Amino acid sequence: MKEGRLSSALQERYGIKNPVGKVLWHSLNEGGEIGVYDMKFGDTIVRNLLDEDITPVEEALHEHAARRENDRGRLQ
């Protein structure tokens, strides 16, 4: 997923006006399943979003080498 729409409950919790955000990072287990996402909505970054918190808007298949959650490639 490249972009996703945040659930209305989380939009309200984080005060996000534009609910469509870009995926910055996602976890990936050995089975190839994504556990959590970090996404950017305007100037707000929301970390550790579950799949059920997001509705895909734009999907894109991509491949990359595995990285750990404490990888420097993950924005702090």
N, C-alpha and C. Protein backbone atom coordinates (compact mmCIF):
# COMPACT_ATOMS: atom_id res chain seq x y z
N MET A 1 0.86 -1.17 0.00
CA MET A 1 0.00 0.00 0.00
C MET A 1 0.90 1.23 0.00
N LYS A 2 0.57 2.15 -0.85
CA LYS A 2 1.31 3.40 -0.96
C LYS A 2 0.61 4.52 -0.17
N GLU A 3 -0.70 4.56 -0.26
CA GLU A 3 -1.51 5.55 0.45
C GLU A 3 -2.71 4.85 1.08
N GLY A 4 -3.18 5.42 2.19
CA GLY A 4 -4.34 4.84 2.85
C GLY A 4 -5.16 5.89 3.56
N ARG A 5 -6.40 5.55 3.83
CA ARG A 5 -7.33 6.44 4.53
C ARG A 5 -7.43 5.96 5.98
N LEU A 6 -7.20 6.87 6.90
CA LEU A 6 -7.24 6.58 8.32
C LEU A 6 -8.69 6.45 8.79
N SER A 7 -8.93 5.55 9.72
CA SER A 7 -10.29 5.38 10.26
C SER A 7 -10.77 6.67 10.89
N SER A 8 -12.07 6.88 10.90
CA SER A 8 -12.64 8.12 11.43
C SER A 8 -12.34 8.27 12.92
N ALA A 9 -12.30 7.18 13.66
CA ALA A 9 -12.00 7.26 15.10
C ALA A 9 -10.59 7.80 15.33
N LEU A 10 -9.64 7.33 14.54
CA LEU A 10 -8.27 7.80 14.69
C LEU A 10 -8.07 9.20 14.12
N GLN A 11 -8.85 9.54 13.10
CA GLN A 11 -8.80 10.92 12.58
C GLN A 11 -9.14 11.89 13.71
N GLU A 12 -10.18 11.56 14.44
CA GLU A 12 -10.62 12.41 15.54
C GLU A 12 -9.59 12.42 16.66
N ARG A 13 -9.07 11.25 17.03
CA ARG A 13 -8.10 11.15 18.12
C ARG A 13 -6.86 11.99 17.86
N TYR A 14 -6.35 11.94 16.61
CA TYR A 14 -5.11 12.65 16.27
C TYR A 14 -5.36 14.04 15.68
N GLY A 15 -6.61 14.42 15.49
CA GLY A 15 -6.94 15.74 14.94
C GLY A 15 -6.51 15.91 13.50
N ILE A 16 -6.64 14.84 12.72
CA ILE A 16 -6.21 14.87 11.33
C ILE A 16 -7.38 15.28 10.44
N LYS A 17 -7.14 16.32 9.64
CA LYS A 17 -8.21 16.84 8.79
C LYS A 17 -8.25 16.12 7.43
N ASN A 18 -7.10 15.85 6.84
CA ASN A 18 -7.04 15.11 5.57
C ASN A 18 -6.70 13.66 5.91
N PRO A 19 -7.66 12.75 5.82
CA PRO A 19 -7.46 11.38 6.29
C PRO A 19 -6.64 10.48 5.36
N VAL A 20 -6.24 10.97 4.18
CA VAL A 20 -5.44 10.15 3.27
C VAL A 20 -3.97 10.46 3.50
N GLY A 21 -3.21 9.42 3.83
CA GLY A 21 -1.80 9.61 4.13
C GLY A 21 -0.91 8.67 3.35
N LYS A 22 0.38 8.95 3.41
CA LYS A 22 1.39 8.14 2.71
C LYS A 22 2.08 7.20 3.69
N VAL A 23 2.34 6.00 3.24
CA VAL A 23 3.06 5.02 4.05
C VAL A 23 4.54 5.39 4.03
N LEU A 24 5.11 5.56 5.24
CA LEU A 24 6.53 5.84 5.36
C LEU A 24 7.34 4.57 5.61
N TRP A 25 6.74 3.64 6.33
CA TRP A 25 7.43 2.42 6.75
C TRP A 25 6.38 1.38 7.11
N HIS A 26 6.74 0.10 6.98
CA HIS A 26 5.88 -0.97 7.47
C HIS A 26 6.74 -2.13 7.94
N SER A 27 6.23 -2.86 8.91
CA SER A 27 6.91 -4.06 9.36
C SER A 27 6.61 -5.17 8.37
N LEU A 28 7.39 -6.23 8.43
CA LEU A 28 7.17 -7.37 7.54
C LEU A 28 7.70 -8.60 8.24
N ASN A 29 6.81 -9.58 8.47
CA ASN A 29 7.27 -10.79 9.14
C ASN A 29 7.84 -11.77 8.12
N GLU A 30 8.36 -12.88 8.61
CA GLU A 30 8.99 -13.86 7.73
C GLU A 30 8.02 -14.47 6.73
N GLY A 31 6.73 -14.43 7.03
CA GLY A 31 5.71 -14.95 6.12
C GLY A 31 5.29 -13.94 5.07
N GLY A 32 5.89 -12.75 5.09
CA GLY A 32 5.57 -11.72 4.11
C GLY A 32 4.35 -10.90 4.45
N GLU A 33 3.88 -10.98 5.71
CA GLU A 33 2.70 -10.23 6.12
C GLU A 33 3.12 -8.95 6.85
N ILE A 34 2.38 -7.88 6.59
CA ILE A 34 2.66 -6.60 7.23
C ILE A 34 1.91 -6.55 8.56
N GLY A 35 2.62 -6.14 9.61
CA GLY A 35 2.01 -6.05 10.94
C GLY A 35 1.53 -4.64 11.26
N VAL A 36 2.41 -3.65 11.12
CA VAL A 36 2.07 -2.27 11.43
C VAL A 36 2.64 -1.33 10.37
N TYR A 37 2.03 -0.15 10.30
CA TYR A 37 2.46 0.90 9.38
C TYR A 37 2.80 2.16 10.14
N ASP A 38 3.75 2.93 9.62
CA ASP A 38 3.98 4.32 10.01
C ASP A 38 3.52 5.14 8.82
N MET A 39 2.64 6.13 9.06
CA MET A 39 2.10 6.92 7.96
C MET A 39 2.17 8.40 8.26
N LYS A 40 2.21 9.20 7.20
CA LYS A 40 2.26 10.66 7.33
C LYS A 40 0.98 11.25 6.75
N PHE A 41 0.30 12.04 7.57
CA PHE A 41 -0.93 12.74 7.19
C PHE A 41 -0.63 14.23 7.33
N GLY A 42 -0.37 14.90 6.22
CA GLY A 42 0.05 16.31 6.29
C GLY A 42 1.38 16.39 7.03
N ASP A 43 1.40 17.13 8.14
CA ASP A 43 2.62 17.27 8.94
C ASP A 43 2.66 16.29 10.11
N THR A 44 1.65 15.45 10.23
CA THR A 44 1.53 14.54 11.36
C THR A 44 1.94 13.12 10.96
N ILE A 45 2.85 12.53 11.75
CA ILE A 45 3.25 11.14 11.55
C ILE A 45 2.59 10.30 12.63
N VAL A 46 1.91 9.25 12.21
CA VAL A 46 1.27 8.32 13.15
C VAL A 46 1.96 6.98 12.98
N ARG A 47 2.47 6.44 14.10
CA ARG A 47 3.23 5.20 14.07
C ARG A 47 2.39 4.02 14.55
N ASN A 48 2.80 2.84 14.11
CA ASN A 48 2.23 1.57 14.58
C ASN A 48 0.74 1.42 14.31
N LEU A 49 0.30 1.86 13.14
CA LEU A 49 -1.10 1.68 12.75
C LEU A 49 -1.33 0.23 12.31
N LEU A 50 -2.41 -0.34 12.76
CA LEU A 50 -2.76 -1.70 12.36
C LEU A 50 -3.50 -1.67 11.03
N ASP A 51 -3.51 -2.80 10.36
CA ASP A 51 -4.18 -2.92 9.07
C ASP A 51 -5.64 -2.49 9.15
N GLU A 52 -6.30 -2.83 10.26
CA GLU A 52 -7.73 -2.49 10.39
C GLU A 52 -7.97 -0.99 10.62
N ASP A 53 -6.89 -0.23 10.89
CA ASP A 53 -7.01 1.22 11.07
C ASP A 53 -6.98 1.97 9.75
N ILE A 54 -6.65 1.27 8.67
CA ILE A 54 -6.39 1.92 7.38
C ILE A 54 -7.18 1.24 6.27
N THR A 55 -7.72 2.04 5.36
CA THR A 55 -8.34 1.53 4.14
C THR A 55 -7.43 1.92 2.98
N PRO A 56 -6.93 0.95 2.21
CA PRO A 56 -6.03 1.29 1.10
C PRO A 56 -6.69 2.22 0.09
N VAL A 57 -5.94 3.22 -0.35
CA VAL A 57 -6.40 4.14 -1.39
C VAL A 57 -5.61 3.87 -2.67
N GLU A 58 -4.30 3.75 -2.51
CA GLU A 58 -3.43 3.43 -3.65
C GLU A 58 -2.50 2.30 -3.22
N GLU A 59 -2.56 1.22 -3.96
CA GLU A 59 -1.72 0.08 -3.63
C GLU A 59 -0.62 -0.07 -4.67
N ALA A 60 0.53 -0.50 -4.21
CA ALA A 60 1.65 -0.75 -5.11
C ALA A 60 2.48 -1.88 -4.55
N LEU A 61 2.82 -2.81 -5.39
CA LEU A 61 3.68 -3.91 -4.97
C LEU A 61 5.11 -3.43 -5.04
N HIS A 62 5.86 -3.72 -4.01
CA HIS A 62 7.28 -3.39 -4.03
C HIS A 62 8.05 -4.43 -3.25
N GLU A 63 9.32 -4.50 -3.51
CA GLU A 63 10.17 -5.45 -2.82
C GLU A 63 11.40 -4.73 -2.30
N HIS A 64 11.87 -5.17 -1.15
CA HIS A 64 13.11 -4.64 -0.60
C HIS A 64 13.65 -5.62 0.40
N ALA A 65 14.89 -5.45 0.75
CA ALA A 65 15.52 -6.33 1.73
C ALA A 65 14.88 -6.12 3.09
N ALA A 66 14.87 -7.16 3.89
CA ALA A 66 14.29 -7.06 5.24
C ALA A 66 15.09 -6.10 6.08
N ARG A 67 14.38 -5.32 6.91
CA ARG A 67 15.00 -4.41 7.86
C ARG A 67 14.34 -4.61 9.20
N ARG A 68 15.04 -4.29 10.24
CA ARG A 68 14.51 -4.42 11.59
C ARG A 68 13.83 -3.12 12.02
N GLU A 69 12.97 -3.20 13.04
CA GLU A 69 12.25 -2.02 13.52
C GLU A 69 13.20 -0.94 14.00
N ASN A 70 14.39 -1.30 14.47
CA ASN A 70 15.34 -0.29 14.96
C ASN A 70 16.30 0.14 13.86
N ASP A 71 15.98 -0.16 12.61
CA ASP A 71 16.81 0.22 11.47
C ASP A 71 16.88 1.73 11.32
N ARG A 72 18.02 2.23 10.93
CA ARG A 72 18.19 3.68 10.73
C ARG A 72 17.34 4.21 9.59
N GLY A 73 16.88 3.33 8.69
CA GLY A 73 16.02 3.74 7.59
C GLY A 73 14.62 4.13 8.03
N ARG A 74 14.25 3.79 9.25
CA ARG A 74 12.95 4.16 9.79
C ARG A 74 13.09 5.51 10.45
N LEU A 75 12.32 6.47 9.99
CA LEU A 75 12.40 7.83 10.52
C LEU A 75 12.08 7.86 11.99
N GLN A 76 12.79 8.64 12.71
CA GLN A 76 12.58 8.77 14.15
C GLN A 76 11.57 9.85 14.47
